[in-house]
PDB file of N, CA and C in Angstrom:
ATOM      1  N   UNK A   1      -6.930 109.183 132.220  1.00  0.00           N
ATOM      2  CA  UNK A   1      -5.662 109.257 132.910  1.00  0.00           C
ATOM      3  C   UNK A   1      -5.189 110.709 133.022  1.00  0.00           C
ATOM      4  N   UNK A   2      -5.280 111.464 131.953  1.00  0.00           N
ATOM      5  CA  UNK A   2      -4.775 112.835 131.960  1.00  0.00           C
ATOM      6  C   UNK A   2      -5.569 113.737 132.885  1.00  0.00           C
ATOM      7  N   UNK A   3      -6.871 113.542 132.921  1.00  0.00           N
ATOM      8  CA  UNK A   3      -7.717 114.364 133.765  1.00  0.00           C
ATOM      9  C   UNK A   3      -7.432 114.202 135.239  1.00  0.00           C
ATOM     10  N   UNK A   4      -6.787 113.114 135.616  1.00  0.00           N
ATOM     11  CA  UNK A   4      -6.461 112.864 137.014  1.00  0.00           C
ATOM     12  C   UNK A   4      -5.124 113.469 137.431  1.00  0.00           C
ATOM     13  N   UNK A   5      -4.357 113.957 136.483  1.00  0.00           N
ATOM     14  CA  UNK A   5      -3.054 114.528 136.793  1.00  0.00           C
ATOM     15  C   UNK A   5      -3.196 115.947 137.321  1.00  0.00           C
ATOM     16  N   UNK A   6      -2.409 116.251 138.344  1.00  0.00           N
ATOM     17  CA  UNK A   6      -2.424 117.590 138.930  1.00  0.00           C
ATOM     18  C   UNK A   6      -1.901 118.606 137.918  1.00  0.00           C
ATOM     19  N   UNK A   7      -2.553 119.739 137.853  1.00  0.00           N
ATOM     20  CA  UNK A   7      -2.174 120.853 136.979  1.00  0.00           C
ATOM     21  C   UNK A   7      -2.340 120.545 135.492  1.00  0.00           C
ATOM     22  N   UNK A   8      -3.136 119.528 135.169  1.00  0.00           N
ATOM     23  CA  UNK A   8      -3.395 119.196 133.769  1.00  0.00           C
ATOM     24  C   UNK A   8      -4.878 119.368 133.516  1.00  0.00           C
ATOM     25  N   UNK A   9      -5.184 120.127 132.489  1.00  0.00           N
ATOM     26  CA  UNK A   9      -6.569 120.319 132.094  1.00  0.00           C
ATOM     27  C   UNK A   9      -6.724 119.804 130.675  1.00  0.00           C
ATOM     28  N   UNK A  10      -7.614 118.854 130.499  1.00  0.00           N
ATOM     29  CA  UNK A  10      -7.886 118.340 129.161  1.00  0.00           C
ATOM     30  C   UNK A  10      -8.764 119.361 128.454  1.00  0.00           C
ATOM     31  N   UNK A  11      -8.225 119.957 127.396  1.00  0.00           N
ATOM     32  CA  UNK A  11      -8.931 121.029 126.688  1.00  0.00           C
ATOM     33  C   UNK A  11      -9.916 120.491 125.662  1.00  0.00           C
ATOM     34  N   UNK A  12      -9.662 119.297 125.167  1.00  0.00           N
ATOM     35  CA  UNK A  12     -10.547 118.735 124.163  1.00  0.00           C
ATOM     36  C   UNK A  12      -9.994 117.434 123.630  1.00  0.00           C
ATOM     37  N   UNK A  13     -10.780 116.827 122.777  1.00  0.00           N
ATOM     38  CA  UNK A  13     -10.334 115.611 122.119  1.00  0.00           C
ATOM     39  C   UNK A  13     -11.019 115.507 120.769  1.00  0.00           C
ATOM     40  N   UNK A  14     -10.374 114.785 119.891  1.00  0.00           N
ATOM     41  CA  UNK A  14     -10.910 114.590 118.547  1.00  0.00           C
ATOM     42  C   UNK A  14     -10.750 113.123 118.192  1.00  0.00           C
ATOM     43  N   UNK A  15     -11.681 112.608 117.431  1.00  0.00           N
ATOM     44  CA  UNK A  15     -11.636 111.187 117.098  1.00  0.00           C
ATOM     45  C   UNK A  15     -11.194 110.914 115.666  1.00  0.00           C
ATOM     46  N   UNK A  16     -10.973 111.977 114.890  1.00  0.00           N
ATOM     47  CA  UNK A  16     -10.529 111.767 113.518  1.00  0.00           C
ATOM     48  C   UNK A  16      -9.741 112.986 113.020  1.00  0.00           C
ATOM     49  N   UNK A  17      -9.190 112.880 111.830  1.00  0.00           N
ATOM     50  CA  UNK A  17      -8.362 113.937 111.259  1.00  0.00           C
ATOM     51  C   UNK A  17      -9.146 115.240 111.136  1.00  0.00           C
ATOM     52  N   UNK A  18     -10.329 115.179 110.585  1.00  0.00           N
ATOM     53  CA  UNK A  18     -11.124 116.385 110.365  1.00  0.00           C
ATOM     54  C   UNK A  18     -11.399 117.117 111.674  1.00  0.00           C
ATOM     55  N   UNK A  19     -11.796 116.392 112.700  1.00  0.00           N
ATOM     56  CA  UNK A  19     -12.057 117.013 114.006  1.00  0.00           C
ATOM     57  C   UNK A  19     -10.785 117.609 114.591  1.00  0.00           C
ATOM     58  N   UNK A  20      -9.690 116.883 114.492  1.00  0.00           N
ATOM     59  CA  UNK A  20      -8.422 117.364 115.052  1.00  0.00           C
ATOM     60  C   UNK A  20      -7.968 118.647 114.372  1.00  0.00           C
ATOM     61  N   UNK A  21      -8.029 118.673 113.055  1.00  0.00           N
ATOM     62  CA  UNK A  21      -7.593 119.858 112.312  1.00  0.00           C
ATOM     63  C   UNK A  21      -8.498 121.053 112.609  1.00  0.00           C
ATOM     64  N   UNK A  22      -9.770 120.802 112.850  1.00  0.00           N
ATOM     65  CA  UNK A  22     -10.701 121.882 113.172  1.00  0.00           C
ATOM     66  C   UNK A  22     -10.568 122.339 114.627  1.00  0.00           C
ATOM     67  N   UNK A  23     -10.290 121.424 115.528  1.00  0.00           N
ATOM     68  CA  UNK A  23     -10.321 121.706 116.957  1.00  0.00           C
ATOM     69  C   UNK A  23      -9.002 122.207 117.520  1.00  0.00           C
ATOM     70  N   UNK A  24      -7.921 121.561 117.203  1.00  0.00           N
ATOM     71  CA  UNK A  24      -6.640 121.858 117.853  1.00  0.00           C
ATOM     72  C   UNK A  24      -6.195 123.306 117.647  1.00  0.00           C
ATOM     73  N   UNK A  25      -6.201 123.843 116.437  1.00  0.00           N
ATOM     74  CA  UNK A  25      -5.767 125.244 116.282  1.00  0.00           C
ATOM     75  C   UNK A  25      -6.651 126.240 117.036  1.00  0.00           C
ATOM     76  N   UNK A  26      -7.915 125.921 117.173  1.00  0.00           N
ATOM     77  CA  UNK A  26      -8.843 126.812 117.882  1.00  0.00           C
ATOM     78  C   UNK A  26      -8.579 126.802 119.390  1.00  0.00           C
ATOM     79  N   UNK A  27      -8.149 125.677 119.925  1.00  0.00           N
ATOM     80  CA  UNK A  27      -7.924 125.546 121.366  1.00  0.00           C
ATOM     81  C   UNK A  27      -6.557 126.051 121.824  1.00  0.00           C
ATOM     82  N   UNK A  28      -5.589 126.104 120.925  1.00  0.00           N
ATOM     83  CA  UNK A  28      -4.217 126.518 121.265  1.00  0.00           C
ATOM     84  C   UNK A  28      -3.657 125.739 122.454  1.00  0.00           C
ATOM     85  N   UNK A  29      -3.658 124.405 122.397  1.00  0.00           N
ATOM     86  CA  UNK A  29      -3.167 123.631 123.544  1.00  0.00           C
ATOM     87  C   UNK A  29      -1.648 123.730 123.684  1.00  0.00           C
ATOM     88  N   UNK A  30      -1.184 123.503 124.898  1.00  0.00           N
ATOM     89  CA  UNK A  30       0.259 123.456 125.155  1.00  0.00           C
ATOM     90  C   UNK A  30       0.836 122.105 124.718  1.00  0.00           C
ATOM     91  N   UNK A  31       0.007 121.056 124.849  1.00  0.00           N
ATOM     92  CA  UNK A  31       0.469 119.689 124.622  1.00  0.00           C
ATOM     93  C   UNK A  31      -0.627 118.900 123.923  1.00  0.00           C
ATOM     94  N   UNK A  32      -0.237 118.141 122.916  1.00  0.00           N
ATOM     95  CA  UNK A  32      -1.185 117.301 122.173  1.00  0.00           C
ATOM     96  C   UNK A  32      -0.633 115.883 122.107  1.00  0.00           C
ATOM     97  N   UNK A  33      -1.493 114.924 122.390  1.00  0.00           N
ATOM     98  CA  UNK A  33      -1.167 113.514 122.173  1.00  0.00           C
ATOM     99  C   UNK A  33      -1.919 113.107 120.918  1.00  0.00           C
ATOM    100  N   UNK A  34      -1.184 112.607 119.957  1.00  0.00           N
ATOM    101  CA  UNK A  34      -1.761 112.346 118.647  1.00  0.00           C
ATOM    102  C   UNK A  34      -1.377 110.954 118.168  1.00  0.00           C
ATOM    103  N   UNK A  35      -2.353 110.204 117.713  1.00  0.00           N
ATOM    104  CA  UNK A  35      -2.096 108.880 117.163  1.00  0.00           C
ATOM    105  C   UNK A  35      -1.726 109.015 115.691  1.00  0.00           C
ATOM    106  N   UNK A  36      -0.826 108.178 115.237  1.00  0.00           N
ATOM    107  CA  UNK A  36      -0.460 108.198 113.815  1.00  0.00           C
ATOM    108  C   UNK A  36      -1.622 107.728 112.954  1.00  0.00           C
ATOM    109  N   UNK A  37      -2.302 106.702 113.404  1.00  0.00           N
ATOM    110  CA  UNK A  37      -3.391 106.112 112.626  1.00  0.00           C
ATOM    111  C   UNK A  37      -4.730 106.581 113.178  1.00  0.00           C
ATOM    112  N   UNK A  38      -5.460 107.358 112.387  1.00  0.00           N
ATOM    113  CA  UNK A  38      -6.794 107.813 112.768  1.00  0.00           C
ATOM    114  C   UNK A  38      -7.814 107.202 111.817  1.00  0.00           C
ATOM    115  N   UNK A  39      -9.072 107.110 112.237  1.00  0.00           N
ATOM    116  CA  UNK A  39     -10.073 106.431 111.413  1.00  0.00           C
ATOM    117  C   UNK A  39     -10.200 106.948 109.981  1.00  0.00           C
ATOM    118  N   UNK A  40      -9.986 108.253 109.803  1.00  0.00           N
ATOM    119  CA  UNK A  40     -10.175 108.818 108.472  1.00  0.00           C
ATOM    120  C   UNK A  40      -8.873 109.280 107.828  1.00  0.00           C
ATOM    121  N   UNK A  41      -7.737 108.833 108.363  1.00  0.00           N
ATOM    122  CA  UNK A  41      -6.492 109.218 107.715  1.00  0.00           C
ATOM    123  C   UNK A  41      -5.280 109.177 108.608  1.00  0.00           C
ATOM    124  N   UNK A  42      -4.320 109.963 108.227  1.00  0.00           N
ATOM    125  CA  UNK A  42      -2.986 109.949 108.786  1.00  0.00           C
ATOM    126  C   UNK A  42      -2.798 111.049 109.830  1.00  0.00           C
ATOM    127  N   UNK A  43      -2.445 110.661 111.043  1.00  0.00           N
ATOM    128  CA  UNK A  43      -2.205 111.633 112.099  1.00  0.00           C
ATOM    129  C   UNK A  43      -1.004 112.518 111.829  1.00  0.00           C
ATOM    130  N   UNK A  44      -0.100 112.088 110.962  1.00  0.00           N
ATOM    131  CA  UNK A  44       1.061 112.914 110.639  1.00  0.00           C
ATOM    132  C   UNK A  44       0.619 114.178 109.904  1.00  0.00           C
ATOM    133  N   UNK A  45      -0.425 114.097 109.122  1.00  0.00           N
ATOM    134  CA  UNK A  45      -0.977 115.294 108.468  1.00  0.00           C
ATOM    135  C   UNK A  45      -1.498 116.270 109.525  1.00  0.00           C
ATOM    136  N   UNK A  46      -2.089 115.747 110.579  1.00  0.00           N
ATOM    137  CA  UNK A  46      -2.554 116.598 111.674  1.00  0.00           C
ATOM    138  C   UNK A  46      -1.354 117.234 112.367  1.00  0.00           C
ATOM    139  N   UNK A  47      -0.327 116.456 112.598  1.00  0.00           N
ATOM    140  CA  UNK A  47       0.911 116.964 113.199  1.00  0.00           C
ATOM    141  C   UNK A  47       1.459 118.138 112.395  1.00  0.00           C
ATOM    142  N   UNK A  48       1.510 117.984 111.096  1.00  0.00           N
ATOM    143  CA  UNK A  48       2.007 119.058 110.229  1.00  0.00           C
ATOM    144  C   UNK A  48       1.164 120.322 110.364  1.00  0.00           C
ATOM    145  N   UNK A  49      -0.149 120.156 110.448  1.00  0.00           N
ATOM    146  CA  UNK A  49      -1.040 121.310 110.624  1.00  0.00           C
ATOM    147  C   UNK A  49      -0.801 121.971 111.972  1.00  0.00           C
ATOM    148  N   UNK A  50      -0.691 121.180 113.014  1.00  0.00           N
ATOM    149  CA  UNK A  50      -0.463 121.718 114.353  1.00  0.00           C
ATOM    150  C   UNK A  50       0.815 122.554 114.362  1.00  0.00           C
ATOM    151  N   UNK A  51       1.874 122.013 113.824  1.00  0.00           N
ATOM    152  CA  UNK A  51       3.167 122.703 113.854  1.00  0.00           C
ATOM    153  C   UNK A  51       3.175 123.942 112.958  1.00  0.00           C
ATOM    154  N   UNK A  52       2.359 123.943 111.936  1.00  0.00           N
ATOM    155  CA  UNK A  52       2.268 125.110 111.057  1.00  0.00           C
ATOM    156  C   UNK A  52       1.518 126.258 111.745  1.00  0.00           C
ATOM    157  N   UNK A  53       0.419 125.953 112.429  1.00  0.00           N
ATOM    158  CA  UNK A  53      -0.388 127.009 113.047  1.00  0.00           C
ATOM    159  C   UNK A  53       0.019 127.313 114.490  1.00  0.00           C
ATOM    160  N   UNK A  54       0.675 126.384 115.145  1.00  0.00           N
ATOM    161  CA  UNK A  54       1.108 126.577 116.529  1.00  0.00           C
ATOM    162  C   UNK A  54       2.424 125.889 116.787  1.00  0.00           C
ATOM    163  N   UNK A  55       3.511 126.414 116.237  1.00  0.00           N
ATOM    164  CA  UNK A  55       4.797 125.724 116.312  1.00  0.00           C
ATOM    165  C   UNK A  55       5.307 125.478 117.730  1.00  0.00           C
ATOM    166  N   UNK A  56       4.786 126.200 118.712  1.00  0.00           N
ATOM    167  CA  UNK A  56       5.233 125.990 120.094  1.00  0.00           C
ATOM    168  C   UNK A  56       4.448 124.880 120.798  1.00  0.00           C
ATOM    169  N   UNK A  57       3.394 124.389 120.183  1.00  0.00           N
ATOM    170  CA  UNK A  57       2.631 123.285 120.761  1.00  0.00           C
ATOM    171  C   UNK A  57       3.500 122.037 120.770  1.00  0.00           C
ATOM    172  N   UNK A  58       3.598 121.409 121.921  1.00  0.00           N
ATOM    173  CA  UNK A  58       4.378 120.179 122.062  1.00  0.00           C
ATOM    174  C   UNK A  58       3.481 119.019 121.654  1.00  0.00           C
ATOM    175  N   UNK A  59       3.985 118.181 120.746  1.00  0.00           N
ATOM    176  CA  UNK A  59       3.185 117.070 120.235  1.00  0.00           C
ATOM    177  C   UNK A  59       3.902 115.744 120.503  1.00  0.00           C
ATOM    178  N   UNK A  60       3.167 114.843 121.134  1.00  0.00           N
ATOM    179  CA  UNK A  60       3.642 113.481 121.338  1.00  0.00           C
ATOM    180  C   UNK A  60       2.863 112.570 120.395  1.00  0.00           C
ATOM    181  N   UNK A  61       3.564 111.913 119.516  1.00  0.00           N
ATOM    182  CA  UNK A  61       2.937 110.940 118.628  1.00  0.00           C
ATOM    183  C   UNK A  61       2.898 109.607 119.360  1.00  0.00           C
ATOM    184  N   UNK A  62       1.743 109.003 119.378  1.00  0.00           N
ATOM    185  CA  UNK A  62       1.508 107.745 120.067  1.00  0.00           C
ATOM    186  C   UNK A  62       1.090 106.727 119.022  1.00  0.00           C
ATOM    187  N   UNK A  63       1.779 105.583 118.991  1.00  0.00           N
ATOM    188  CA  UNK A  63       1.513 104.672 117.885  1.00  0.00           C
ATOM    189  C   UNK A  63       1.794 103.216 118.207  1.00  0.00           C
ATOM    190  N   UNK A  64       1.159 102.365 117.437  1.00  0.00           N
ATOM    191  CA  UNK A  64       1.497 100.941 117.411  1.00  0.00           C
ATOM    192  C   UNK A  64       2.537 100.673 116.332  1.00  0.00           C
ATOM    193  N   UNK A  65       2.847 101.692 115.534  1.00  0.00           N
ATOM    194  CA  UNK A  65       3.798 101.586 114.426  1.00  0.00           C
ATOM    195  C   UNK A  65       5.118 102.242 114.839  1.00  0.00           C
ATOM    196  N   UNK A  66       5.771 101.690 115.834  1.00  0.00           N
ATOM    197  CA  UNK A  66       6.962 102.314 116.411  1.00  0.00           C
ATOM    198  C   UNK A  66       8.238 101.887 115.688  1.00  0.00           C
ATOM    199  N   UNK A  67       8.195 101.919 114.374  1.00  0.00           N
ATOM    200  CA  UNK A  67       9.371 101.546 113.589  1.00  0.00           C
ATOM    201  C   UNK A  67      10.111 102.806 113.143  1.00  0.00           C
ATOM    202  N   UNK A  68      11.304 102.615 112.601  1.00  0.00           N
ATOM    203  CA  UNK A  68      12.133 103.756 112.187  1.00  0.00           C
ATOM    204  C   UNK A  68      11.468 104.596 111.104  1.00  0.00           C
ATOM    205  N   UNK A  69      10.765 103.953 110.183  1.00  0.00           N
ATOM    206  CA  UNK A  69      10.102 104.687 109.107  1.00  0.00           C
ATOM    207  C   UNK A  69       9.132 105.727 109.676  1.00  0.00           C
ATOM    208  N   UNK A  70       8.250 105.294 110.574  1.00  0.00           N
ATOM    209  CA  UNK A  70       7.264 106.199 111.153  1.00  0.00           C
ATOM    210  C   UNK A  70       7.924 107.218 112.082  1.00  0.00           C
ATOM    211  N   UNK A  71       8.921 106.791 112.843  1.00  0.00           N
ATOM    212  CA  UNK A  71       9.640 107.717 113.724  1.00  0.00           C
ATOM    213  C   UNK A  71      10.256 108.854 112.907  1.00  0.00           C
ATOM    214  N   UNK A  72      10.921 108.515 111.818  1.00  0.00           N
ATOM    215  CA  UNK A  72      11.564 109.538 110.981  1.00  0.00           C
ATOM    216  C   UNK A  72      10.543 110.468 110.337  1.00  0.00           C
ATOM    217  N   UNK A  73       9.420 109.924 109.899  1.00  0.00           N
ATOM    218  CA  UNK A  73       8.358 110.771 109.331  1.00  0.00           C
ATOM    219  C   UNK A  73       7.830 111.746 110.373  1.00  0.00           C
ATOM    220  N   UNK A  74       7.620 111.249 111.584  1.00  0.00           N
ATOM    221  CA  UNK A  74       7.109 112.107 112.653  1.00  0.00           C
ATOM    222  C   UNK A  74       8.131 113.175 113.043  1.00  0.00           C
ATOM    223  N   UNK A  75       9.382 112.790 113.158  1.00  0.00           N
ATOM    224  CA  UNK A  75      10.422 113.760 113.496  1.00  0.00           C
ATOM    225  C   UNK A  75      10.522 114.832 112.417  1.00  0.00           C
ATOM    226  N   UNK A  76      10.456 114.423 111.152  1.00  0.00           N
ATOM    227  CA  UNK A  76      10.532 115.383 110.047  1.00  0.00           C
ATOM    228  C   UNK A  76       9.344 116.343 110.062  1.00  0.00           C
ATOM    229  N   UNK A  77       8.202 115.874 110.542  1.00  0.00           N
ATOM    230  CA  UNK A  77       6.997 116.717 110.593  1.00  0.00           C
ATOM    231  C   UNK A  77       6.950 117.576 111.853  1.00  0.00           C
ATOM    232  N   UNK A  78       7.909 117.375 112.766  1.00  0.00           N
ATOM    233  CA  UNK A  78       7.984 118.231 113.942  1.00  0.00           C
ATOM    234  C   UNK A  78       7.569 117.622 115.259  1.00  0.00           C
ATOM    235  N   UNK A  79       7.391 116.300 115.321  1.00  0.00           N
ATOM    236  CA  UNK A  79       6.997 115.672 116.587  1.00  0.00           C
ATOM    237  C   UNK A  79       8.059 115.904 117.653  1.00  0.00           C
ATOM    238  N   UNK A  80       7.610 116.204 118.847  1.00  0.00           N
ATOM    239  CA  UNK A  80       8.520 116.398 119.972  1.00  0.00           C
ATOM    240  C   UNK A  80       8.813 115.086 120.681  1.00  0.00           C
ATOM    241  N   UNK A  81       7.843 114.171 120.634  1.00  0.00           N
ATOM    242  CA  UNK A  81       7.995 112.851 121.246  1.00  0.00           C
ATOM    243  C   UNK A  81       7.393 111.816 120.308  1.00  0.00           C
ATOM    244  N   UNK A  82       7.922 110.613 120.360  1.00  0.00           N
ATOM    245  CA  UNK A  82       7.430 109.496 119.558  1.00  0.00           C
ATOM    246  C   UNK A  82       7.354 108.306 120.501  1.00  0.00           C
ATOM    247  N   UNK A  83       6.140 107.877 120.829  1.00  0.00           N
ATOM    248  CA  UNK A  83       5.939 106.862 121.857  1.00  0.00           C
ATOM    249  C   UNK A  83       5.231 105.627 121.317  1.00  0.00           C
ATOM    250  N   UNK A  84       5.758 104.489 121.685  1.00  0.00           N
ATOM    251  CA  UNK A  84       5.158 103.199 121.359  1.00  0.00           C
ATOM    252  C   UNK A  84       4.024 102.947 122.359  1.00  0.00           C
ATOM    253  N   UNK A  85       2.798 102.796 121.861  1.00  0.00           N
ATOM    254  CA  UNK A  85       1.646 102.573 122.749  1.00  0.00           C
ATOM    255  C   UNK A  85       1.857 101.403 123.697  1.00  0.00           C
ATOM    256  N   UNK A  86       2.416 100.323 123.180  1.00  0.00           N
ATOM    257  CA  UNK A  86       2.555  99.102 123.968  1.00  0.00           C
ATOM    258  C   UNK A  86       3.605  99.225 125.070  1.00  0.00           C
ATOM    259  N   UNK A  87       4.625 100.063 124.860  1.00  0.00           N
ATOM    260  CA  UNK A  87       5.740 100.094 125.800  1.00  0.00           C
ATOM    261  C   UNK A  87       5.939 101.425 126.504  1.00  0.00           C
ATOM    262  N   UNK A  88       5.434 102.518 125.933  1.00  0.00           N
ATOM    263  CA  UNK A  88       5.789 103.832 126.464  1.00  0.00           C
ATOM    264  C   UNK A  88       4.603 104.708 126.851  1.00  0.00           C
ATOM    265  N   UNK A  89       3.407 104.196 126.779  1.00  0.00           N
ATOM    266  CA  UNK A  89       2.220 104.991 127.107  1.00  0.00           C
ATOM    267  C   UNK A  89       2.311 105.594 128.503  1.00  0.00           C
ATOM    268  N   UNK A  90       2.850 104.836 129.435  1.00  0.00           N
ATOM    269  CA  UNK A  90       2.943 105.292 130.826  1.00  0.00           C
ATOM    270  C   UNK A  90       3.944 106.427 131.024  1.00  0.00           C
ATOM    271  N   UNK A  91       4.681 106.800 129.999  1.00  0.00           N
ATOM    272  CA  UNK A  91       5.632 107.907 130.105  1.00  0.00           C
ATOM    273  C   UNK A  91       4.954 109.273 129.989  1.00  0.00           C
ATOM    274  N   UNK A  92       3.716 109.297 129.537  1.00  0.00           N
ATOM    275  CA  UNK A  92       3.039 110.574 129.314  1.00  0.00           C
ATOM    276  C   UNK A  92       2.959 111.423 130.585  1.00  0.00           C
ATOM    277  N   UNK A  93       2.579 110.873 131.738  1.00  0.00           N
ATOM    278  CA  UNK A  93       2.565 111.726 132.939  1.00  0.00           C
ATOM    279  C   UNK A  93       3.935 112.321 133.266  1.00  0.00           C
ATOM    280  N   UNK A  94       4.996 111.548 133.097  1.00  0.00           N
ATOM    281  CA  UNK A  94       6.342 112.052 133.356  1.00  0.00           C
ATOM    282  C   UNK A  94       6.690 113.189 132.393  1.00  0.00           C
ATOM    283  N   UNK A  95       6.359 113.004 131.128  1.00  0.00           N
ATOM    284  CA  UNK A  95       6.620 114.039 130.125  1.00  0.00           C
ATOM    285  C   UNK A  95       5.872 115.321 130.489  1.00  0.00           C
ATOM    286  N   UNK A  96       4.619 115.194 130.847  1.00  0.00           N
ATOM    287  CA  UNK A  96       3.830 116.371 131.227  1.00  0.00           C
ATOM    288  C   UNK A  96       4.422 117.068 132.450  1.00  0.00           C
ATOM    289  N   UNK A  97       4.856 116.286 133.418  1.00  0.00           N
ATOM    290  CA  UNK A  97       5.461 116.865 134.616  1.00  0.00           C
ATOM    291  C   UNK A  97       6.737 117.628 134.258  1.00  0.00           C
ATOM    292  N   UNK A  98       7.567 117.061 133.402  1.00  0.00           N
ATOM    293  CA  UNK A  98       8.797 117.733 132.988  1.00  0.00           C
ATOM    294  C   UNK A  98       8.494 119.021 132.217  1.00  0.00           C
ATOM    295  N   UNK A  99       7.482 118.980 131.363  1.00  0.00           N
ATOM    296  CA  UNK A  99       7.092 120.183 130.626  1.00  0.00           C
ATOM    297  C   UNK A  99       6.585 121.261 131.574  1.00  0.00           C
ATOM    298  N   UNK A 100       5.813 120.868 132.581  1.00  0.00           N
ATOM    299  CA  UNK A 100       5.301 121.823 133.558  1.00  0.00           C
ATOM    300  C   UNK A 100       6.441 122.448 134.362  1.00  0.00           C
ATOM    301  N   UNK A 101       7.420 121.633 134.745  1.00  0.00           N
ATOM    302  CA  UNK A 101       8.569 122.149 135.496  1.00  0.00           C
ATOM    303  C   UNK A 101       9.369 123.128 134.654  1.00  0.00           C
ATOM    304  N   UNK A 102       9.599 122.797 133.400  1.00  0.00           N
ATOM    305  CA  UNK A 102      10.341 123.681 132.508  1.00  0.00           C
ATOM    306  C   UNK A 102       9.600 125.001 132.316  1.00  0.00           C
ATOM    307  N   UNK A 103       8.298 124.914 132.176  1.00  0.00           N
ATOM    308  CA  UNK A 103       7.497 126.129 132.010  1.00  0.00           C
ATOM    309  C   UNK A 103       7.554 126.998 133.266  1.00  0.00           C
ATOM    310  N   UNK A 104       7.461 126.355 134.436  1.00  0.00           N
ATOM    311  CA  UNK A 104       7.522 127.094 135.701  1.00  0.00           C
ATOM    312  C   UNK A 104       8.877 127.781 135.862  1.00  0.00           C
ATOM    313  N   UNK A 105       9.949 127.127 135.457  1.00  0.00           N
ATOM    314  CA  UNK A 105      11.283 127.714 135.558  1.00  0.00           C
ATOM    315  C   UNK A 105      11.420 128.918 134.631  1.00  0.00           C
ATOM    316  N   UNK A 106      10.820 128.841 133.446  1.00  0.00           N
ATOM    317  CA  UNK A 106      10.870 129.980 132.504  1.00  0.00           C
ATOM    318  C   UNK A 106      10.079 131.171 133.028  1.00  0.00           C
ATOM    319  N   UNK A 107       8.959 130.885 133.707  1.00  0.00           N
ATOM    320  CA  UNK A 107       8.064 131.968 134.164  1.00  0.00           C
ATOM    321  C   UNK A 107       8.248 132.285 135.649  1.00  0.00           C
ATOM    322  N   UNK A 108       9.125 131.559 136.331  1.00  0.00           N
ATOM    323  CA  UNK A 108       9.227 131.683 137.773  1.00  0.00           C
ATOM    324  C   UNK A 108      10.190 132.667 138.238  1.00  0.00           C
TER     325      UNK A 108
END
């Protein structure tokens, strides 16, 4: 889905915590979509690493665990967005478009 969006380049992907922690800081992405539950651990730990090494990186947490407990943990760790996979996945293109517009206004 992301690769089909205009002005969006998918820089990489990771399938687990170890790959994400190794890959994301090296790529310096503008935007990261991160699942809370990864095969080898907690995506919130990845979120914390991302925000520590690249605090300007915008992170959207995507989850099936869209309860207040997880939302508060993600917000405390620095998540910019918290999306319920079942109900809000389709908001990602809109979010990206808004981020692109804001960036263009800052640099325009």
